[in-house]
Full PDB file with SEQRES, HELIX, SHEET, SSBOND, CRYST1, ORIGX, SCALE, CONECT and MASTER records, all heavy atoms in Angstrom:
SEQRES   1 A   43  ARG PRO PRO PHE PHE GLU PRO SER ASN LEU SER GLU PHE          
SEQRES   2 A   43  ILE ASP LEU GLN ALA SER ALA ILE ILE ARG GLN MET SER          
SEQRES   3 A   43  PRO LEU GLU ILE GLY GLN MET LEU HIS PRO HIS ALA GLU          
SEQRES   4 A   43  ALA ILE PRO TYR                                              
HELIX    1 AA1 PRO A    7  ARG A   23  1                                  17    
HELIX    2 AA2 PRO A   27  LEU A   34  1                                   8    
CRYST1    1.000    1.000    1.000  90.00  90.00  90.00 P 1           1          
ORIGX1      1.000000  0.000000  0.000000        0.00000                         
ORIGX2      0.000000  1.000000  0.000000        0.00000                         
ORIGX3      0.000000  0.000000  1.000000        0.00000                         
SCALE1      1.000000  0.000000  0.000000        0.00000                         
SCALE2      0.000000  1.000000  0.000000        0.00000                         
SCALE3      0.000000  0.000000  1.000000        0.00000                         
ATOM      1  N   ARG A   1     -22.746 -27.190  86.402  1.00  0.00           N  
ATOM      2  CA  ARG A   1     -21.574 -26.762  85.637  1.00  0.00           C  
ATOM      3  C   ARG A   1     -20.693 -25.905  86.486  1.00  0.00           C  
ATOM      4  O   ARG A   1     -21.192 -25.098  87.288  1.00  0.00           O  
ATOM      5  CB  ARG A   1     -21.838 -25.954  84.271  1.00  0.00           C  
ATOM      6  CG  ARG A   1     -22.667 -26.808  83.359  1.00  0.00           C  
ATOM      7  CD  ARG A   1     -22.672 -25.957  82.096  1.00  0.00           C  
ATOM      8  NE  ARG A   1     -23.929 -25.139  82.188  1.00  0.00           N  
ATOM      9  CZ  ARG A   1     -24.246 -24.358  81.246  1.00  0.00           C  
ATOM     10  NH1 ARG A   1     -23.619 -24.109  80.214  1.00  0.00           N  
ATOM     11  NH2 ARG A   1     -25.435 -23.709  81.386  1.00  0.00           N  
ATOM     12  N   PRO A   2     -19.380 -26.009  86.273  1.00  0.00           N  
ATOM     13  CA  PRO A   2     -18.540 -24.974  86.981  1.00  0.00           C  
ATOM     14  C   PRO A   2     -18.735 -23.529  86.368  1.00  0.00           C  
ATOM     15  O   PRO A   2     -19.205 -23.462  85.212  1.00  0.00           O  
ATOM     16  CB  PRO A   2     -17.132 -25.336  86.805  1.00  0.00           C  
ATOM     17  CG  PRO A   2     -17.208 -26.343  85.491  1.00  0.00           C  
ATOM     18  CD  PRO A   2     -18.602 -26.832  85.571  1.00  0.00           C  
ATOM     19  N   PRO A   3     -18.508 -22.560  87.175  1.00  0.00           N  
ATOM     20  CA  PRO A   3     -18.677 -21.216  86.678  1.00  0.00           C  
ATOM     21  C   PRO A   3     -17.826 -20.890  85.439  1.00  0.00           C  
ATOM     22  O   PRO A   3     -16.658 -21.483  85.354  1.00  0.00           O  
ATOM     23  CB  PRO A   3     -18.478 -20.279  87.833  1.00  0.00           C  
ATOM     24  CG  PRO A   3     -17.725 -21.099  88.810  1.00  0.00           C  
ATOM     25  CD  PRO A   3     -18.084 -22.461  88.596  1.00  0.00           C  
ATOM     26  N   PHE A   4     -18.193 -20.114  84.620  1.00  0.00           N  
ATOM     27  CA  PHE A   4     -17.332 -19.724  83.353  1.00  0.00           C  
ATOM     28  C   PHE A   4     -15.958 -19.320  83.854  1.00  0.00           C  
ATOM     29  O   PHE A   4     -15.023 -19.747  83.223  1.00  0.00           O  
ATOM     30  CB  PHE A   4     -18.056 -18.606  82.559  1.00  0.00           C  
ATOM     31  CG  PHE A   4     -17.338 -18.286  81.331  1.00  0.00           C  
ATOM     32  CD1 PHE A   4     -17.366 -19.160  80.264  1.00  0.00           C  
ATOM     33  CD2 PHE A   4     -16.712 -17.052  81.187  1.00  0.00           C  
ATOM     34  CE1 PHE A   4     -16.624 -18.929  79.059  1.00  0.00           C  
ATOM     35  CE2 PHE A   4     -16.003 -16.770  80.060  1.00  0.00           C  
ATOM     36  CZ  PHE A   4     -15.986 -17.797  78.898  1.00  0.00           C  
ATOM     37  N   PHE A   5     -15.872 -18.468  84.899  1.00  0.00           N  
ATOM     38  CA  PHE A   5     -14.532 -17.963  85.383  1.00  0.00           C  
ATOM     39  C   PHE A   5     -14.487 -18.392  86.804  1.00  0.00           C  
ATOM     40  O   PHE A   5     -15.332 -18.071  87.643  1.00  0.00           O  
ATOM     41  CB  PHE A   5     -14.440 -16.560  85.245  1.00  0.00           C  
ATOM     42  CG  PHE A   5     -14.284 -16.100  83.846  1.00  0.00           C  
ATOM     43  CD1 PHE A   5     -15.316 -15.426  83.278  1.00  0.00           C  
ATOM     44  CD2 PHE A   5     -13.151 -16.243  83.089  1.00  0.00           C  
ATOM     45  CE1 PHE A   5     -15.389 -15.002  81.924  1.00  0.00           C  
ATOM     46  CE2 PHE A   5     -13.082 -15.887  81.884  1.00  0.00           C  
ATOM     47  CZ  PHE A   5     -14.140 -15.202  81.230  1.00  0.00           C  
ATOM     48  N   GLU A   6     -13.382 -19.128  87.148  1.00  0.00           N  
ATOM     49  CA  GLU A   6     -13.208 -19.482  88.592  1.00  0.00           C  
ATOM     50  C   GLU A   6     -12.758 -18.077  89.240  1.00  0.00           C  
ATOM     51  O   GLU A   6     -12.171 -17.260  88.516  1.00  0.00           O  
ATOM     52  CB  GLU A   6     -12.091 -20.469  88.664  1.00  0.00           C  
ATOM     53  CG  GLU A   6     -12.364 -21.922  88.027  1.00  0.00           C  
ATOM     54  CD  GLU A   6     -13.378 -22.578  88.787  1.00  0.00           C  
ATOM     55  OE1 GLU A   6     -13.597 -22.427  89.959  1.00  0.00           O  
ATOM     56  OE2 GLU A   6     -14.252 -23.249  88.129  1.00  0.00           O  
ATOM     57  N   PRO A   7     -13.060 -17.925  90.477  1.00  0.00           N  
ATOM     58  CA  PRO A   7     -12.654 -16.737  91.202  1.00  0.00           C  
ATOM     59  C   PRO A   7     -11.174 -16.425  91.084  1.00  0.00           C  
ATOM     60  O   PRO A   7     -10.789 -15.264  91.023  1.00  0.00           O  
ATOM     61  CB  PRO A   7     -13.128 -16.959  92.626  1.00  0.00           C  
ATOM     62  CG  PRO A   7     -14.128 -17.896  92.549  1.00  0.00           C  
ATOM     63  CD  PRO A   7     -13.908 -18.814  91.326  1.00  0.00           C  
ATOM     64  N   SER A   8     -10.385 -17.467  91.023  1.00  0.00           N  
ATOM     65  CA  SER A   8      -8.952 -17.221  90.936  1.00  0.00           C  
ATOM     66  C   SER A   8      -8.406 -16.574  89.564  1.00  0.00           C  
ATOM     67  O   SER A   8      -7.543 -16.001  89.503  1.00  0.00           O  
ATOM     68  CB  SER A   8      -8.140 -18.403  91.303  1.00  0.00           C  
ATOM     69  OG  SER A   8      -8.487 -19.393  90.314  1.00  0.00           O  
ATOM     70  N   ASN A   9      -9.326 -16.944  88.529  1.00  0.00           N  
ATOM     71  CA  ASN A   9      -9.025 -16.394  87.266  1.00  0.00           C  
ATOM     72  C   ASN A   9      -9.693 -15.211  86.860  1.00  0.00           C  
ATOM     73  O   ASN A   9      -9.378 -14.427  85.863  1.00  0.00           O  
ATOM     74  CB  ASN A   9      -9.418 -17.597  86.235  1.00  0.00           C  
ATOM     75  CG  ASN A   9      -8.622 -18.845  86.399  1.00  0.00           C  
ATOM     76  OD1 ASN A   9      -7.440 -18.769  86.816  1.00  0.00           O  
ATOM     77  ND2 ASN A   9      -9.125 -19.839  85.956  1.00  0.00           N  
ATOM     78  N   LEU A  10     -10.649 -14.779  87.668  1.00  0.00           N  
ATOM     79  CA  LEU A  10     -11.470 -13.527  87.343  1.00  0.00           C  
ATOM     80  C   LEU A  10     -10.567 -12.338  87.406  1.00  0.00           C  
ATOM     81  O   LEU A  10     -10.671 -11.465  86.355  1.00  0.00           O  
ATOM     82  CB  LEU A  10     -12.637 -13.385  88.287  1.00  0.00           C  
ATOM     83  CG  LEU A  10     -13.540 -12.227  88.062  1.00  0.00           C  
ATOM     84  CD1 LEU A  10     -14.118 -12.289  86.617  1.00  0.00           C  
ATOM     85  CD2 LEU A  10     -14.675 -12.153  89.005  1.00  0.00           C  
ATOM     86  N   SER A  11      -9.701 -12.147  88.285  1.00  0.00           N  
ATOM     87  CA  SER A  11      -8.827 -10.983  88.283  1.00  0.00           C  
ATOM     88  C   SER A  11      -7.816 -11.038  87.122  1.00  0.00           C  
ATOM     89  O   SER A  11      -7.710  -9.954  86.605  1.00  0.00           O  
ATOM     90  CB  SER A  11      -7.974 -11.046  89.686  1.00  0.00           C  
ATOM     91  OG  SER A  11      -7.036 -10.071  89.590  1.00  0.00           O  
ATOM     92  N   GLU A  12      -7.361 -12.052  86.677  1.00  0.00           N  
ATOM     93  CA  GLU A  12      -6.469 -12.239  85.597  1.00  0.00           C  
ATOM     94  C   GLU A  12      -7.259 -11.818  84.287  1.00  0.00           C  
ATOM     95  O   GLU A  12      -6.833 -11.135  83.495  1.00  0.00           O  
ATOM     96  CB  GLU A  12      -5.906 -13.638  85.424  1.00  0.00           C  
ATOM     97  CG  GLU A  12      -4.995 -13.649  84.227  1.00  0.00           C  
ATOM     98  CD  GLU A  12      -4.297 -15.064  84.146  1.00  0.00           C  
ATOM     99  OE1 GLU A  12      -4.474 -15.946  85.003  1.00  0.00           O  
ATOM    100  OE2 GLU A  12      -3.764 -15.411  83.133  1.00  0.00           O  
ATOM    101  N   PHE A  13      -8.483 -12.276  84.229  1.00  0.00           N  
ATOM    102  CA  PHE A  13      -9.389 -11.986  83.098  1.00  0.00           C  
ATOM    103  C   PHE A  13      -9.650 -10.463  82.954  1.00  0.00           C  
ATOM    104  O   PHE A  13      -9.577  -9.824  81.884  1.00  0.00           O  
ATOM    105  CB  PHE A  13     -10.664 -12.777  83.146  1.00  0.00           C  
ATOM    106  CG  PHE A  13     -11.760 -12.368  82.082  1.00  0.00           C  
ATOM    107  CD1 PHE A  13     -11.525 -12.771  80.801  1.00  0.00           C  
ATOM    108  CD2 PHE A  13     -12.737 -11.541  82.479  1.00  0.00           C  
ATOM    109  CE1 PHE A  13     -12.465 -12.441  79.884  1.00  0.00           C  
ATOM    110  CE2 PHE A  13     -13.702 -11.135  81.546  1.00  0.00           C  
ATOM    111  CZ  PHE A  13     -13.557 -11.566  80.142  1.00  0.00           C  
ATOM    112  N   ILE A  14      -9.988  -9.899  84.097  1.00  0.00           N  
ATOM    113  CA  ILE A  14     -10.163  -8.495  84.206  1.00  0.00           C  
ATOM    114  C   ILE A  14      -8.988  -7.659  83.671  1.00  0.00           C  
ATOM    115  O   ILE A  14      -9.096  -6.723  82.911  1.00  0.00           O  
ATOM    116  CB  ILE A  14     -10.679  -7.933  85.529  1.00  0.00           C  
ATOM    117  CG1 ILE A  14     -12.147  -8.607  85.720  1.00  0.00           C  
ATOM    118  CG2 ILE A  14     -10.814  -6.487  85.609  1.00  0.00           C  
ATOM    119  CD1 ILE A  14     -12.616  -8.489  87.189  1.00  0.00           C  
ATOM    120  N   ASP A  15      -7.831  -8.059  84.142  1.00  0.00           N  
ATOM    121  CA  ASP A  15      -6.582  -7.405  83.842  1.00  0.00           C  
ATOM    122  C   ASP A  15      -6.276  -7.551  82.403  1.00  0.00           C  
ATOM    123  O   ASP A  15      -5.850  -6.537  81.751  1.00  0.00           O  
ATOM    124  CB  ASP A  15      -5.377  -8.019  84.550  1.00  0.00           C  
ATOM    125  CG  ASP A  15      -5.364  -7.635  86.045  1.00  0.00           C  
ATOM    126  OD1 ASP A  15      -6.079  -6.721  86.455  1.00  0.00           O  
ATOM    127  OD2 ASP A  15      -4.642  -8.278  86.857  1.00  0.00           O  
ATOM    128  N   LEU A  16      -6.553  -8.712  81.690  1.00  0.00           N  
ATOM    129  CA  LEU A  16      -6.395  -8.871  80.378  1.00  0.00           C  
ATOM    130  C   LEU A  16      -7.227  -8.033  79.544  1.00  0.00           C  
ATOM    131  O   LEU A  16      -6.897  -7.445  78.519  1.00  0.00           O  
ATOM    132  CB  LEU A  16      -6.414 -10.374  79.964  1.00  0.00           C  
ATOM    133  CG  LEU A  16      -5.351 -11.347  80.527  1.00  0.00           C  
ATOM    134  CD1 LEU A  16      -5.769 -12.835  80.304  1.00  0.00           C  
ATOM    135  CD2 LEU A  16      -4.034 -10.981  79.721  1.00  0.00           C  
ATOM    136  N   GLN A  17      -8.529  -7.935  79.952  1.00  0.00           N  
ATOM    137  CA  GLN A  17      -9.494  -7.123  79.194  1.00  0.00           C  
ATOM    138  C   GLN A  17      -9.077  -5.570  79.278  1.00  0.00           C  
ATOM    139  O   GLN A  17      -9.307  -4.941  78.261  1.00  0.00           O  
ATOM    140  CB  GLN A  17     -10.933  -7.469  79.785  1.00  0.00           C  
ATOM    141  CG  GLN A  17     -11.436  -8.793  79.419  1.00  0.00           C  
ATOM    142  CD  GLN A  17     -11.376  -9.172  77.985  1.00  0.00           C  
ATOM    143  OE1 GLN A  17     -11.882  -8.388  77.114  1.00  0.00           O  
ATOM    144  NE2 GLN A  17     -10.697 -10.132  77.596  1.00  0.00           N  
ATOM    145  N   ALA A  18      -8.764  -5.242  80.355  1.00  0.00           N  
ATOM    146  CA  ALA A  18      -8.407  -3.745  80.596  1.00  0.00           C  
ATOM    147  C   ALA A  18      -7.170  -3.435  79.819  1.00  0.00           C  
ATOM    148  O   ALA A  18      -7.163  -2.404  79.123  1.00  0.00           O  
ATOM    149  CB  ALA A  18      -8.136  -3.445  82.117  1.00  0.00           C  
ATOM    150  N   SER A  19      -6.175  -4.345  79.763  1.00  0.00           N  
ATOM    151  CA  SER A  19      -5.119  -4.098  78.982  1.00  0.00           C  
ATOM    152  C   SER A  19      -5.324  -4.025  77.553  1.00  0.00           C  
ATOM    153  O   SER A  19      -4.786  -3.149  76.766  1.00  0.00           O  
ATOM    154  CB  SER A  19      -3.956  -5.318  79.353  1.00  0.00           C  
ATOM    155  OG  SER A  19      -2.901  -5.012  78.529  1.00  0.00           O  
ATOM    156  N   ALA A  20      -6.244  -4.861  77.043  1.00  0.00           N  
ATOM    157  CA  ALA A  20      -6.640  -4.866  75.631  1.00  0.00           C  
ATOM    158  C   ALA A  20      -7.296  -3.558  75.292  1.00  0.00           C  
ATOM    159  O   ALA A  20      -7.047  -3.069  74.214  1.00  0.00           O  
ATOM    160  CB  ALA A  20      -7.535  -6.137  75.325  1.00  0.00           C  
ATOM    161  N   ILE A  21      -8.096  -3.079  76.139  1.00  0.00           N  
ATOM    162  CA  ILE A  21      -8.839  -1.755  75.884  1.00  0.00           C  
ATOM    163  C   ILE A  21      -7.769  -0.763  75.728  1.00  0.00           C  
ATOM    164  O   ILE A  21      -7.744   0.146  74.919  1.00  0.00           O  
ATOM    165  CB  ILE A  21      -9.906  -1.527  76.961  1.00  0.00           C  
ATOM    166  CG1 ILE A  21     -11.034  -2.577  76.713  1.00  0.00           C  
ATOM    167  CG2 ILE A  21     -10.396  -0.154  76.863  1.00  0.00           C  
ATOM    168  CD1 ILE A  21     -12.066  -2.665  77.938  1.00  0.00           C  
ATOM    169  N   ILE A  22      -6.872  -0.621  76.822  1.00  0.00           N  
ATOM    170  CA  ILE A  22      -5.917   0.564  76.894  1.00  0.00           C  
ATOM    171  C   ILE A  22      -5.026   0.412  75.639  1.00  0.00           C  
ATOM    172  O   ILE A  22      -4.639   1.483  75.248  1.00  0.00           O  
ATOM    173  CB  ILE A  22      -5.045   0.397  78.072  1.00  0.00           C  
ATOM    174  CG1 ILE A  22      -6.031   0.620  79.361  1.00  0.00           C  
ATOM    175  CG2 ILE A  22      -3.904   1.342  78.175  1.00  0.00           C  
ATOM    176  CD1 ILE A  22      -6.521   1.921  79.619  1.00  0.00           C  
ATOM    177  N   ARG A  23      -4.645  -0.772  75.172  1.00  0.00           N  
ATOM    178  CA  ARG A  23      -3.675  -0.978  74.061  1.00  0.00           C  
ATOM    179  C   ARG A  23      -4.250  -0.352  72.832  1.00  0.00           C  
ATOM    180  O   ARG A  23      -3.658  -0.090  71.974  1.00  0.00           O  
ATOM    181  CB  ARG A  23      -3.323  -2.311  73.934  1.00  0.00           C  
ATOM    182  CG  ARG A  23      -2.574  -2.940  75.023  1.00  0.00           C  
ATOM    183  CD  ARG A  23      -1.121  -3.068  75.027  1.00  0.00           C  
ATOM    184  NE  ARG A  23      -0.387  -3.153  73.827  1.00  0.00           N  
ATOM    185  CZ  ARG A  23       0.799  -2.610  73.818  1.00  0.00           C  
ATOM    186  NH1 ARG A  23       1.274  -2.093  74.878  1.00  0.00           N  
ATOM    187  NH2 ARG A  23       1.549  -2.637  72.701  1.00  0.00           N  
ATOM    188  N   GLN A  24      -5.691  -0.251  72.789  1.00  0.00           N  
ATOM    189  CA  GLN A  24      -6.266   0.284  71.602  1.00  0.00           C  
ATOM    190  C   GLN A  24      -6.400   1.896  71.681  1.00  0.00           C  
ATOM    191  O   GLN A  24      -6.709   2.443  70.683  1.00  0.00           O  
ATOM    192  CB  GLN A  24      -7.661  -0.116  71.362  1.00  0.00           C  
ATOM    193  CG  GLN A  24      -7.735  -1.698  71.146  1.00  0.00           C  
ATOM    194  CD  GLN A  24      -9.113  -2.267  71.135  1.00  0.00           C  
ATOM    195  OE1 GLN A  24     -10.036  -1.538  71.017  1.00  0.00           O  
ATOM    196  NE2 GLN A  24      -9.225  -3.633  71.163  1.00  0.00           N  
ATOM    197  N   MET A  25      -6.054   2.503  72.786  1.00  0.00           N  
ATOM    198  CA  MET A  25      -6.042   3.868  72.972  1.00  0.00           C  
ATOM    199  C   MET A  25      -4.861   4.615  72.653  1.00  0.00           C  
ATOM    200  O   MET A  25      -3.751   3.997  72.778  1.00  0.00           O  
ATOM    201  CB  MET A  25      -6.546   4.200  74.441  1.00  0.00           C  
ATOM    202  CG  MET A  25      -7.859   3.667  74.793  1.00  0.00           C  
ATOM    203  SD  MET A  25      -8.190   3.805  76.519  1.00  0.00           S  
ATOM    204  CE  MET A  25      -8.543   5.540  76.689  1.00  0.00           C  
ATOM    205  N   SER A  26      -5.037   5.755  72.150  1.00  0.00           N  
ATOM    206  CA  SER A  26      -3.797   6.657  71.879  1.00  0.00           C  
ATOM    207  C   SER A  26      -3.253   7.365  73.072  1.00  0.00           C  
ATOM    208  O   SER A  26      -4.022   7.272  74.052  1.00  0.00           O  
ATOM    209  CB  SER A  26      -4.216   7.663  70.792  1.00  0.00           C  
ATOM    210  OG  SER A  26      -5.028   8.735  71.409  1.00  0.00           O  
ATOM    211  N   PRO A  27      -2.060   7.812  73.144  1.00  0.00           N  
ATOM    212  CA  PRO A  27      -1.667   8.629  74.279  1.00  0.00           C  
ATOM    213  C   PRO A  27      -2.562   9.806  74.740  1.00  0.00           C  
ATOM    214  O   PRO A  27      -2.897   9.985  75.820  1.00  0.00           O  
ATOM    215  CB  PRO A  27      -0.300   9.174  73.876  1.00  0.00           C  
ATOM    216  CG  PRO A  27       0.327   8.105  72.954  1.00  0.00           C  
ATOM    217  CD  PRO A  27      -0.968   7.718  72.166  1.00  0.00           C  
ATOM    218  N   LEU A  28      -3.185  10.404  73.631  1.00  0.00           N  
ATOM    219  CA  LEU A  28      -4.156  11.414  73.877  1.00  0.00           C  
ATOM    220  C   LEU A  28      -5.393  10.881  74.631  1.00  0.00           C  
ATOM    221  O   LEU A  28      -5.857  11.485  75.613  1.00  0.00           O  
ATOM    222  CB  LEU A  28      -4.621  12.090  72.521  1.00  0.00           C  
ATOM    223  CG  LEU A  28      -5.752  13.204  72.685  1.00  0.00           C  
ATOM    224  CD1 LEU A  28      -5.250  14.278  73.532  1.00  0.00           C  
ATOM    225  CD2 LEU A  28      -6.125  13.552  71.245  1.00  0.00           C  
ATOM    226  N   GLU A  29      -5.940   9.758  74.195  1.00  0.00           N  
ATOM    227  CA  GLU A  29      -7.107   9.215  74.928  1.00  0.00           C  
ATOM    228  C   GLU A  29      -6.877   8.786  76.254  1.00  0.00           C  
ATOM    229  O   GLU A  29      -7.647   8.844  77.103  1.00  0.00           O  
ATOM    230  CB  GLU A  29      -7.608   8.124  73.960  1.00  0.00           C  
ATOM    231  CG  GLU A  29      -8.170   8.501  72.686  1.00  0.00           C  
ATOM    232  CD  GLU A  29      -8.462   7.336  71.680  1.00  0.00           C  
ATOM    233  OE1 GLU A  29      -7.758   6.302  71.699  1.00  0.00           O  
ATOM    234  OE2 GLU A  29      -9.355   7.401  70.852  1.00  0.00           O  
ATOM    235  N   ILE A  30      -5.608   8.093  76.407  1.00  0.00           N  
ATOM    236  CA  ILE A  30      -5.229   7.658  77.772  1.00  0.00           C  
ATOM    237  C   ILE A  30      -5.148   8.922  78.679  1.00  0.00           C  
ATOM    238  O   ILE A  30      -5.582   8.879  79.879  1.00  0.00           O  
ATOM    239  CB  ILE A  30      -3.946   6.977  77.818  1.00  0.00           C  
ATOM    240  CG1 ILE A  30      -4.131   5.678  76.971  1.00  0.00           C  
ATOM    241  CG2 ILE A  30      -3.391   6.660  79.121  1.00  0.00           C  
ATOM    242  CD1 ILE A  30      -2.858   4.875  76.627  1.00  0.00           C  
ATOM    243  N   GLY A  31      -4.388   9.925  78.274  1.00  0.00           N  
ATOM    244  CA  GLY A  31      -4.344  11.161  79.058  1.00  0.00           C  
ATOM    245  C   GLY A  31      -5.735  11.707  79.499  1.00  0.00           C  
ATOM    246  O   GLY A  31      -5.935  12.280  80.556  1.00  0.00           O  
ATOM    247  N   GLN A  32      -6.620  11.805  78.387  1.00  0.00           N  
ATOM    248  CA  GLN A  32      -7.885  12.331  78.701  1.00  0.00           C  
ATOM    249  C   GLN A  32      -8.654  11.617  79.721  1.00  0.00           C  
ATOM    250  O   GLN A  32      -9.537  12.040  80.495  1.00  0.00           O  
ATOM    251  CB  GLN A  32      -8.668  12.578  77.439  1.00  0.00           C  
ATOM    252  CG  GLN A  32      -8.166  13.600  76.518  1.00  0.00           C  
ATOM    253  CD  GLN A  32      -8.776  13.573  75.119  1.00  0.00           C  
ATOM    254  OE1 GLN A  32      -9.257  12.584  74.622  1.00  0.00           O  
ATOM    255  NE2 GLN A  32      -8.788  14.834  74.531  1.00  0.00           N  
ATOM    256  N   MET A  33      -8.490  10.203  79.604  1.00  0.00           N  
ATOM    257  CA  MET A  33      -9.152   9.284  80.625  1.00  0.00           C  
ATOM    258  C   MET A  33      -8.466   9.561  82.103  1.00  0.00           C  
ATOM    259  O   MET A  33      -9.336   9.710  83.084  1.00  0.00           O  
ATOM    260  CB  MET A  33      -9.025   7.855  80.244  1.00  0.00           C  
ATOM    261  CG  MET A  33      -9.686   6.871  81.198  1.00  0.00           C  
ATOM    262  SD  MET A  33      -9.410   5.212  80.632  1.00  0.00           S  
ATOM    263  CE  MET A  33      -7.645   4.982  80.924  1.00  0.00           C  
ATOM    264  N   LEU A  34      -7.232   9.632  82.113  1.00  0.00           N  
ATOM    265  CA  LEU A  34      -6.526   9.769  83.442  1.00  0.00           C  
ATOM    266  C   LEU A  34      -6.754  11.175  84.062  1.00  0.00           C  
ATOM    267  O   LEU A  34      -6.775  11.289  85.264  1.00  0.00           O  
ATOM    268  CB  LEU A  34      -5.132   9.399  83.369  1.00  0.00           C  
ATOM    269  CG  LEU A  34      -4.631   7.993  82.992  1.00  0.00           C  
ATOM    270  CD1 LEU A  34      -3.187   7.909  82.759  1.00  0.00           C  
ATOM    271  CD2 LEU A  34      -5.190   7.091  84.070  1.00  0.00           C  
ATOM    272  N   HIS A  35      -6.740  12.172  83.133  1.00  0.00           N  
ATOM    273  CA  HIS A  35      -6.779  13.581  83.583  1.00  0.00           C  
ATOM    274  C   HIS A  35      -7.849  14.348  82.723  1.00  0.00           C  
ATOM    275  O   HIS A  35      -7.545  15.142  81.873  1.00  0.00           O  
ATOM    276  CB  HIS A  35      -5.386  14.190  83.360  1.00  0.00           C  
ATOM    277  CG  HIS A  35      -4.288  13.508  84.009  1.00  0.00           C  
ATOM    278  ND1 HIS A  35      -4.050  13.491  85.296  1.00  0.00           N  
ATOM    279  CD2 HIS A  35      -3.294  12.835  83.344  1.00  0.00           C  
ATOM    280  CE1 HIS A  35      -2.950  12.765  85.493  1.00  0.00           C  
ATOM    281  NE2 HIS A  35      -2.461  12.270  84.442  1.00  0.00           N  
ATOM    282  N   PRO A  36      -9.194  14.120  83.096  1.00  0.00           N  
ATOM    283  CA  PRO A  36     -10.229  14.604  82.242  1.00  0.00           C  
ATOM    284  C   PRO A  36     -10.275  16.105  82.145  1.00  0.00           C  
ATOM    285  O   PRO A  36     -10.724  16.624  81.133  1.00  0.00           O  
ATOM    286  CB  PRO A  36     -11.456  13.999  82.950  1.00  0.00           C  
ATOM    287  CG  PRO A  36     -11.078  13.642  84.210  1.00  0.00           C  
ATOM    288  CD  PRO A  36      -9.636  13.278  84.272  1.00  0.00           C  
ATOM    289  N   HIS A  37      -9.622  16.745  83.150  1.00  0.00           N  
ATOM    290  CA  HIS A  37      -9.622  18.325  83.133  1.00  0.00           C  
ATOM    291  C   HIS A  37      -8.385  19.017  82.521  1.00  0.00           C  
ATOM    292  O   HIS A  37      -8.261  20.052  82.570  1.00  0.00           O  
ATOM    293  CB  HIS A  37      -9.970  18.853  84.452  1.00  0.00           C  
ATOM    294  CG  HIS A  37     -11.431  18.318  85.040  1.00  0.00           C  
ATOM    295  ND1 HIS A  37     -12.562  18.713  84.403  1.00  0.00           N  
ATOM    296  CD2 HIS A  37     -11.651  17.473  85.922  1.00  0.00           C  
ATOM    297  CE1 HIS A  37     -13.554  18.095  84.970  1.00  0.00           C  
ATOM    298  NE2 HIS A  37     -13.061  17.377  86.046  1.00  0.00           N  
ATOM    299  N   ALA A  38      -7.474  18.032  82.174  1.00  0.00           N  
ATOM    300  CA  ALA A  38      -6.166  18.472  81.649  1.00  0.00           C  
ATOM    301  C   ALA A  38      -6.181  19.077  80.277  1.00  0.00           C  
ATOM    302  O   ALA A  38      -7.196  18.627  79.487  1.00  0.00           O  
ATOM    303  CB  ALA A  38      -5.263  17.431  81.713  1.00  0.00           C  
ATOM    304  N   GLU A  39      -5.261  19.940  79.842  1.00  0.00           N  
ATOM    305  CA  GLU A  39      -5.369  20.493  78.550  1.00  0.00           C  
ATOM    306  C   GLU A  39      -4.272  19.788  77.770  1.00  0.00           C  
ATOM    307  O   GLU A  39      -3.087  19.804  78.131  1.00  0.00           O  
ATOM    308  CB  GLU A  39      -5.037  21.971  78.611  1.00  0.00           C  
ATOM    309  CG  GLU A  39      -4.816  22.601  77.250  1.00  0.00           C  
ATOM    310  CD  GLU A  39      -4.266  24.072  77.393  1.00  0.00           C  
ATOM    311  OE1 GLU A  39      -4.163  24.567  78.645  1.00  0.00           O  
ATOM    312  OE2 GLU A  39      -4.068  24.623  76.332  1.00  0.00           O  
ATOM    313  N   ALA A  40      -4.581  19.144  76.555  1.00  0.00           N  
ATOM    314  CA  ALA A  40      -3.712  18.449  75.661  1.00  0.00           C  
ATOM    315  C   ALA A  40      -2.791  19.519  75.157  1.00  0.00           C  
ATOM    316  O   ALA A  40      -3.286  20.552  74.540  1.00  0.00           O  
ATOM    317  CB  ALA A  40      -4.268  17.652  74.632  1.00  0.00           C  
ATOM    318  N   ILE A  41      -1.554  19.375  75.110  1.00  0.00           N  
ATOM    319  CA  ILE A  41      -0.544  20.385  74.466  1.00  0.00           C  
ATOM    320  C   ILE A  41       0.149  19.767  73.358  1.00  0.00           C  
ATOM    321  O   ILE A  41       0.917  18.739  73.590  1.00  0.00           O  
ATOM    322  CB  ILE A  41       0.476  20.818  75.598  1.00  0.00           C  
ATOM    323  CG1 ILE A  41      -0.278  21.283  76.847  1.00  0.00           C  
ATOM    324  CG2 ILE A  41       1.453  21.848  74.991  1.00  0.00           C  
ATOM    325  CD1 ILE A  41      -0.945  22.669  76.691  1.00  0.00           C  
ATOM    326  N   PRO A  42       0.070  20.304  72.102  1.00  0.00           N  
ATOM    327  CA  PRO A  42       0.918  19.730  71.044  1.00  0.00           C  
ATOM    328  C   PRO A  42       2.304  19.871  71.311  1.00  0.00           C  
ATOM    329  O   PRO A  42       2.867  20.938  71.997  1.00  0.00           O  
ATOM    330  CB  PRO A  42       0.446  20.691  69.713  1.00  0.00           C  
ATOM    331  CG  PRO A  42      -0.758  21.396  70.150  1.00  0.00           C  
ATOM    332  CD  PRO A  42      -0.798  21.321  71.783  1.00  0.00           C  
ATOM    333  N   TYR A  43       3.123  19.001  70.760  1.00  0.00           N  
ATOM    334  CA  TYR A  43       4.585  18.944  70.975  1.00  0.00           C  
ATOM    335  C   TYR A  43       5.220  20.371  70.723  1.00  0.00           C  
ATOM    336  O   TYR A  43       6.027  20.812  71.609  1.00  0.00           O  
ATOM    337  CB  TYR A  43       5.297  17.839  70.129  1.00  0.00           C  
ATOM    338  CG  TYR A  43       6.801  17.818  70.360  1.00  0.00           C  
ATOM    339  CD1 TYR A  43       7.369  17.166  71.434  1.00  0.00           C  
ATOM    340  CD2 TYR A  43       7.604  18.466  69.375  1.00  0.00           C  
ATOM    341  CE1 TYR A  43       8.729  17.227  71.551  1.00  0.00           C  
ATOM    342  CE2 TYR A  43       8.901  18.461  69.399  1.00  0.00           C  
ATOM    343  CZ  TYR A  43       9.513  17.747  70.581  1.00  0.00           C  
ATOM    344  OH  TYR A  43      10.885  17.810  70.697  1.00  0.00           O  
TER     345      TYR A  43                                                      
MASTER        0    0    0    2    0    0    0    6  344    1    0    4          
END                                                                             
């Protein structure tokens, strides 16, 4: 059988999965992931 993901589609699949995960995160969660040592400041 051919592999589940062709190598040319693997990158697209990873991008779609990463985007789906990020879209479920709040701005606070995204910031904490990008800047783990940063201090969140209320508006």
